[in-house]
């Protein structure tokens, strides 16, 4: 069966601190997190009404998992690109059930109400060395 090419974009806040753990003999890092998202609606009089938030159970693996655990906390507003993964299981009563979680491909802090400072990690072309951004070349006009 082919992989599901579906992608979702989730915007919301972390419901709790990310839970980092390791799995398997290789001790592969995985982080689990729950994101709550809700829009807002207006009633017929044009007044805002409360909307029940949607809960998204998400996971990330390896380096991304470690970065999430080190960078984000409960209440952080994030934007996530993820793929749905549905598992089938048999409940205790013998019925067959499904559970969907979202595997995170990329995640970032929302900058609508916050600022961030980016710190690059190892593994790049620089051999893991941090490198400061260089200043624009002399005489750069900004447009061509």
Foldseek 3Di string as FASTA:
>chain_A
DDDDPDKDKDWFFWQFQWDWFADDPVRKIKIKTKGWDDDWDADPVRHIDDDHTDIAIEMEIHPVNVCSNVPDGGGFIKIFMWDKDKDWDADPVGDIDIDIHTYTPDMDTDPPPDDDDDDDAADDPVRGDGDDDDDDDPPDPPDD
